[in-house]
Amino acid sequence: MTLKSKIHEIIFEAETPAGKLFDVALLWAIVLSVGSVMLESVSSLQIKYGDLFWAAEWIFTILFTIEYGLRVYSTVKPRGYIFSFYGMVDLLAILPTYLSLVFTGTHSLIVIRALRLLRVFRVLKLGRYFNEAQMLIGALRTSSPKITVFLAAVLSLCVIMGTFMYLIEGAENGFTSIPRSIYWTIVTMTTVGYGDIAPQTVGGQFLASAVMLLGYGILAVPTGIVSAEIASFKRQDINTHSCPHCCAEGHKRNAIYCMACGSELHPD
């Protein structure tokens, strides 16, 4: 096995001892980095420990820069990783700190603060290190057409119910327009219930009761769809192997070729 392949195995795979150790260390670095960003937003702590936060930020930035460079180096096709979702997240995790060196001066302090807030993107990298996260992402992707159709049906129902409520209650009871009535229907159907608008007539209260009961049944549908897909993905036995060419993840345990680009997963 070449050095490049060995680095790829350690960084991208999570089923080897070295890969697990690397993932755990990087996981703690991400947690500490995000925690530092959160604590830095507290003005009293920023005044007292500003220098410490600044040093911690540069330490984490250098570590993540080395990690990013090794990921690009160990990938057969670096463009596949650089322009992937996690590749962009990794870049956004380190780029703001370097950009803050360019934007200097009192007039650009607001810009620097906005750039530094992008460091929170590091928390998105946590999902890479859990096989269950790949299972959940795959289940959501597979069930998205069903959920889209379901949401379209719910939206149509909200439009119909909102229109009826507008005709029953009218502007004198707060339902001044159909869009506002649709807003009330959505708030009621999702069981949020802000209470800023409430039906006053018997007919409106009867319709509101029907919308409330309907909401309980509707909320359970997406849960059932995603749960069924998750159970299906469990039976597929997905592993943590990452394609060395395009960095796609979520392959079956006995997979030989990448499901995205068709390249061999283990050329060595």
Protein backbone atom coordinates (compact mmCIF):
# COMPACT_ATOMS: atom_id res chain seq x y z
CA MET A 1 0.00 0.00 0.00
CA THR A 2 1.36 3.40 -1.00
CA LEU A 3 1.66 6.35 1.40
CA LYS A 4 -1.17 8.12 -0.41
CA SER A 5 -3.47 5.11 -0.02
CA LYS A 6 -2.51 4.74 3.64
CA ILE A 7 -3.36 8.40 4.35
CA HIS A 8 -6.68 7.99 2.52
CA GLU A 9 -7.51 4.92 4.60
CA ILE A 10 -6.74 6.71 7.88
CA ILE A 11 -8.58 9.93 7.04
CA PHE A 12 -11.61 8.68 5.09
CA GLU A 13 -12.23 5.25 6.61
CA ALA A 14 -13.57 4.65 10.11
CA GLU A 15 -13.35 0.86 10.41
CA THR A 16 -9.58 0.57 10.98
CA PRO A 17 -7.89 1.25 14.35
CA ALA A 18 -5.95 4.19 12.89
CA GLY A 19 -9.09 5.54 11.23
CA LYS A 20 -11.08 5.33 14.46
CA LEU A 21 -8.32 7.10 16.38
CA PHE A 22 -8.14 9.85 13.77
CA ASP A 23 -11.93 10.29 13.80
CA VAL A 24 -12.09 10.51 17.59
CA ALA A 25 -9.27 13.08 17.72
CA LEU A 26 -10.82 15.16 14.95
CA LEU A 27 -14.24 14.89 16.58
CA TRP A 28 -12.89 16.37 19.80
CA ALA A 29 -11.11 19.12 17.85
CA ILE A 30 -14.38 20.06 16.14
CA VAL A 31 -16.31 20.07 19.43
CA LEU A 32 -13.69 22.23 21.15
CA SER A 33 -13.50 24.58 18.16
CA VAL A 34 -17.26 25.09 18.00
CA GLY A 35 -17.36 25.51 21.79
CA SER A 36 -14.69 28.19 21.51
CA VAL A 37 -16.76 30.03 18.91
CA MET A 38 -19.82 29.92 21.17
CA LEU A 39 -17.93 31.13 24.24
CA GLU A 40 -16.29 33.89 22.23
CA SER A 41 -19.74 35.33 21.45
CA VAL A 42 -20.23 36.06 25.19
CA SER A 43 -19.01 39.65 25.57
CA SER A 44 -17.77 39.25 29.17
CA LEU A 45 -15.67 36.20 28.23
CA GLN A 46 -14.43 37.87 25.07
CA ILE A 47 -13.12 40.84 27.09
CA LYS A 48 -11.44 38.63 29.67
CA TYR A 49 -10.11 35.78 27.51
CA GLY A 50 -9.90 37.41 24.09
CA ASP A 51 -6.24 36.51 23.56
CA LEU A 52 -6.89 32.89 24.53
CA PHE A 53 -9.75 32.62 22.07
CA TRP A 54 -7.57 34.16 19.35
CA ALA A 55 -4.77 31.64 19.98
CA ALA A 56 -7.22 28.71 20.09
CA GLU A 57 -8.77 29.83 16.82
CA TRP A 58 -5.43 29.82 15.02
CA ILE A 59 -4.44 26.45 16.49
CA PHE A 60 -7.67 24.87 15.29
CA THR A 61 -7.41 26.61 11.92
CA ILE A 62 -3.90 25.25 11.34
CA LEU A 63 -4.99 21.74 12.35
CA PHE A 64 -8.01 21.82 10.03
CA THR A 65 -5.86 23.27 7.24
CA ILE A 66 -3.47 20.32 7.52
CA GLU A 67 -6.41 17.95 7.55
CA TYR A 68 -7.91 19.62 4.45
CA GLY A 69 -4.59 19.42 2.62
CA LEU A 70 -4.19 15.72 3.45
CA ARG A 71 -7.71 14.99 2.22
CA VAL A 72 -7.01 16.71 -1.09
CA TYR A 73 -3.65 14.94 -1.42
CA SER A 74 -4.95 11.46 -0.63
CA THR A 75 -7.88 11.60 -3.06
CA VAL A 76 -7.31 10.17 -6.53
CA LYS A 77 -9.39 12.94 -8.07
CA PRO A 78 -9.00 16.01 -5.80
CA ARG A 79 -11.74 17.93 -7.64
CA GLY A 80 -14.24 15.30 -6.54
CA TYR A 81 -13.50 16.04 -2.90
CA ILE A 82 -12.99 19.80 -3.22
CA PHE A 83 -16.40 20.34 -4.83
CA SER A 84 -18.24 17.79 -2.71
CA PHE A 85 -20.52 18.87 0.14
CA TYR A 86 -18.04 18.01 2.88
CA GLY A 87 -15.19 19.44 0.86
CA MET A 88 -16.94 22.81 0.75
CA VAL A 89 -17.75 22.56 4.46
CA ASP A 90 -14.09 21.83 5.26
CA LEU A 91 -13.03 24.85 3.22
CA LEU A 92 -15.59 27.13 4.90
CA ALA A 93 -14.29 25.93 8.26
CA ILE A 94 -10.82 27.38 7.67
CA LEU A 95 -11.29 30.13 5.08
CA PRO A 96 -12.80 32.89 7.32
CA THR A 97 -9.79 32.97 9.64
CA TYR A 98 -7.42 33.61 6.75
CA LEU A 99 -9.77 36.15 5.18
CA SER A 100 -9.79 38.07 8.45
CA LEU A 101 -6.11 38.84 7.87
CA VAL A 102 -6.98 40.66 4.64
CA PHE A 103 -9.88 42.73 5.93
CA THR A 104 -8.20 45.07 8.39
CA GLY A 105 -9.15 48.46 9.75
CA THR A 106 -11.94 49.80 11.90
CA HIS A 107 -14.43 50.09 9.06
CA SER A 108 -14.26 46.39 8.28
CA LEU A 109 -14.77 45.07 11.80
CA ILE A 110 -18.37 44.16 11.03
CA VAL A 111 -17.27 42.24 7.93
CA ILE A 112 -14.68 40.33 9.93
CA ARG A 113 -17.25 39.39 12.54
CA ALA A 114 -19.58 38.08 9.83
CA LEU A 115 -16.76 36.05 8.29
CA ARG A 116 -15.74 34.58 11.63
CA LEU A 117 -19.29 33.40 12.26
CA LEU A 118 -18.87 31.02 9.30
CA ARG A 119 -16.61 28.91 11.53
CA VAL A 120 -19.77 27.32 12.92
CA PHE A 121 -19.84 25.31 9.66
CA ARG A 122 -17.38 22.98 11.39
CA VAL A 123 -20.23 21.41 13.31
CA LEU A 124 -21.57 20.01 10.01
CA LYS A 125 -18.49 17.81 9.80
CA LEU A 126 -19.61 15.86 12.86
CA GLY A 127 -22.07 13.86 10.77
CA ARG A 128 -19.26 12.27 8.75
CA TYR A 129 -18.13 10.14 11.65
CA PHE A 130 -21.31 8.25 12.35
CA ASN A 131 -22.56 5.40 10.20
CA GLU A 132 -26.05 6.22 11.43
CA ALA A 133 -25.74 9.68 9.89
CA GLN A 134 -25.15 8.14 6.46
CA MET A 135 -28.18 5.93 7.02
CA LEU A 136 -30.35 8.92 7.94
CA ILE A 137 -29.14 11.00 4.98
CA GLY A 138 -29.84 8.12 2.61
CA ALA A 139 -33.30 7.58 4.09
CA LEU A 140 -34.18 11.26 3.75
CA ARG A 141 -32.91 11.32 0.17
CA THR A 142 -34.93 8.24 -0.78
CA SER A 143 -38.10 9.42 0.92
CA SER A 144 -37.89 13.00 -0.42
CA PRO A 145 -40.27 12.39 -3.40
CA LYS A 146 -42.93 10.94 -1.09
CA ILE A 147 -42.53 13.77 1.39
CA THR A 148 -42.69 16.33 -1.42
CA VAL A 149 -46.01 14.93 -2.64
CA PHE A 150 -47.27 14.81 0.93
CA LEU A 151 -46.32 18.45 1.59
CA ALA A 152 -48.00 19.52 -1.65
CA ALA A 153 -51.20 17.78 -0.54
CA VAL A 154 -51.00 19.40 2.90
CA LEU A 155 -50.44 22.83 1.34
CA SER A 156 -53.50 22.38 -0.87
CA LEU A 157 -55.51 21.37 2.17
CA CYS A 158 -54.31 24.46 4.05
CA VAL A 159 -55.38 26.68 1.16
CA ILE A 160 -58.87 25.10 1.13
CA MET A 161 -59.30 25.27 4.91
CA GLY A 162 -57.94 28.83 5.04
CA THR A 163 -60.37 29.93 2.35
CA PHE A 164 -63.31 28.40 4.22
CA MET A 165 -62.20 30.07 7.44
CA TYR A 166 -61.98 33.43 5.66
CA LEU A 167 -65.55 33.02 4.37
CA ILE A 168 -66.89 31.94 7.76
CA GLU A 169 -65.11 34.40 10.08
CA GLY A 170 -64.39 37.41 7.88
CA ALA A 171 -62.29 40.48 8.52
CA GLU A 172 -64.27 41.51 11.63
CA ASN A 173 -62.85 38.49 13.51
CA GLY A 174 -59.24 38.96 12.43
CA PHE A 175 -59.27 36.89 9.25
CA THR A 176 -58.63 39.89 7.04
CA SER A 177 -57.48 37.98 3.94
CA ILE A 178 -57.12 34.49 2.54
CA PRO A 179 -53.30 34.45 3.00
CA ARG A 180 -53.74 35.42 6.65
CA SER A 181 -56.34 32.68 7.04
CA ILE A 182 -53.96 30.18 5.44
CA TYR A 183 -51.32 31.29 7.95
CA TRP A 184 -53.78 30.54 10.77
CA THR A 185 -54.52 27.12 9.27
CA ILE A 186 -50.82 26.20 9.09
CA VAL A 187 -50.20 27.37 12.66
CA THR A 188 -53.21 25.43 13.91
CA MET A 189 -52.58 22.27 11.87
CA THR A 190 -48.97 22.04 13.11
CA THR A 191 -50.26 22.38 16.71
CA VAL A 192 -48.11 25.50 17.26
CA GLY A 193 -51.06 27.71 18.15
CA TYR A 194 -49.69 31.24 18.58
CA GLY A 195 -53.14 32.53 19.53
CA ASP A 196 -52.78 35.80 17.63
CA ILE A 197 -55.90 34.89 15.60
CA ALA A 198 -58.82 32.86 16.94
CA PRO A 199 -62.23 32.00 15.47
CA GLN A 200 -65.19 33.63 17.18
CA THR A 201 -68.21 32.05 15.49
CA VAL A 202 -69.59 28.58 16.06
CA GLY A 203 -68.89 27.59 12.45
CA GLY A 204 -65.30 28.83 12.71
CA GLN A 205 -64.72 26.98 15.97
CA PHE A 206 -66.11 23.77 14.47
CA LEU A 207 -63.78 24.10 11.48
CA ALA A 208 -60.86 24.88 13.81
CA SER A 209 -61.56 21.69 15.76
CA ALA A 210 -61.47 19.69 12.53
CA VAL A 211 -58.16 21.30 11.55
CA MET A 212 -56.66 20.49 14.95
CA LEU A 213 -57.68 16.82 14.80
CA LEU A 214 -56.47 16.62 11.21
CA GLY A 215 -53.12 18.05 12.27
CA TYR A 216 -52.40 15.20 14.68
CA GLY A 217 -52.86 12.66 11.90
CA ILE A 218 -50.86 14.63 9.36
CA LEU A 219 -47.81 15.06 11.60
CA ALA A 220 -47.40 11.28 11.88
CA VAL A 221 -47.16 10.67 8.11
CA PRO A 222 -43.60 12.02 7.45
CA THR A 223 -42.35 10.15 10.51
CA GLY A 224 -43.72 6.89 9.16
CA ILE A 225 -42.25 7.48 5.69
CA VAL A 226 -38.74 8.22 7.00
CA SER A 227 -38.91 5.39 9.56
CA ALA A 228 -39.71 2.88 6.82
CA GLU A 229 -36.76 4.09 4.75
CA ILE A 230 -34.41 3.94 7.76
CA ALA A 231 -35.46 0.33 8.39
CA SER A 232 -34.76 -0.44 4.74
CA PHE A 233 -31.29 1.10 4.96
CA LYS A 234 -30.52 -0.94 8.08
CA ARG A 235 -31.12 -4.10 6.09
CA GLN A 236 -28.69 -2.91 3.40
CA ASP A 237 -25.74 -2.96 5.87
CA ILE A 238 -24.02 0.27 4.84
CA ASN A 239 -20.35 0.75 5.74
CA THR A 240 -18.08 3.77 6.02
CA HIS A 241 -16.00 3.17 2.88
CA SER A 242 -15.29 6.33 0.94
CA CYS A 243 -14.58 6.31 -2.80
CA PRO A 244 -10.94 7.37 -3.43
CA HIS A 245 -12.02 9.07 -6.68
CA CYS A 246 -15.16 11.08 -5.88
CA CYS A 247 -15.33 10.70 -2.04
CA ALA A 248 -18.89 9.36 -2.18
CA GLU A 249 -19.92 7.53 0.99
CA GLY A 250 -22.70 5.17 2.08
CA HIS A 251 -21.76 2.06 0.07
CA LYS A 252 -22.94 -1.42 0.94
CA ARG A 253 -20.48 -3.47 2.96
CA ASN A 254 -19.75 -5.90 0.12
CA ALA A 255 -19.57 -3.20 -2.58
CA ILE A 256 -16.61 -3.36 -4.96
CA TYR A 257 -17.32 -0.33 -7.14
CA CYS A 258 -18.49 3.18 -6.26
CA MET A 259 -22.23 3.74 -6.59
CA ALA A 260 -21.62 7.33 -7.79
CA CYS A 261 -18.76 7.20 -10.29
CA GLY A 262 -18.24 3.47 -10.84
CA SER A 263 -14.59 3.48 -9.77
CA GLU A 264 -13.07 0.61 -7.81
CA LEU A 265 -13.36 1.23 -4.07
CA HIS A 266 -10.20 -0.66 -3.10
CA PRO A 267 -7.74 -0.47 -6.02
CA ASP A 268 -4.87 -1.67 -3.80
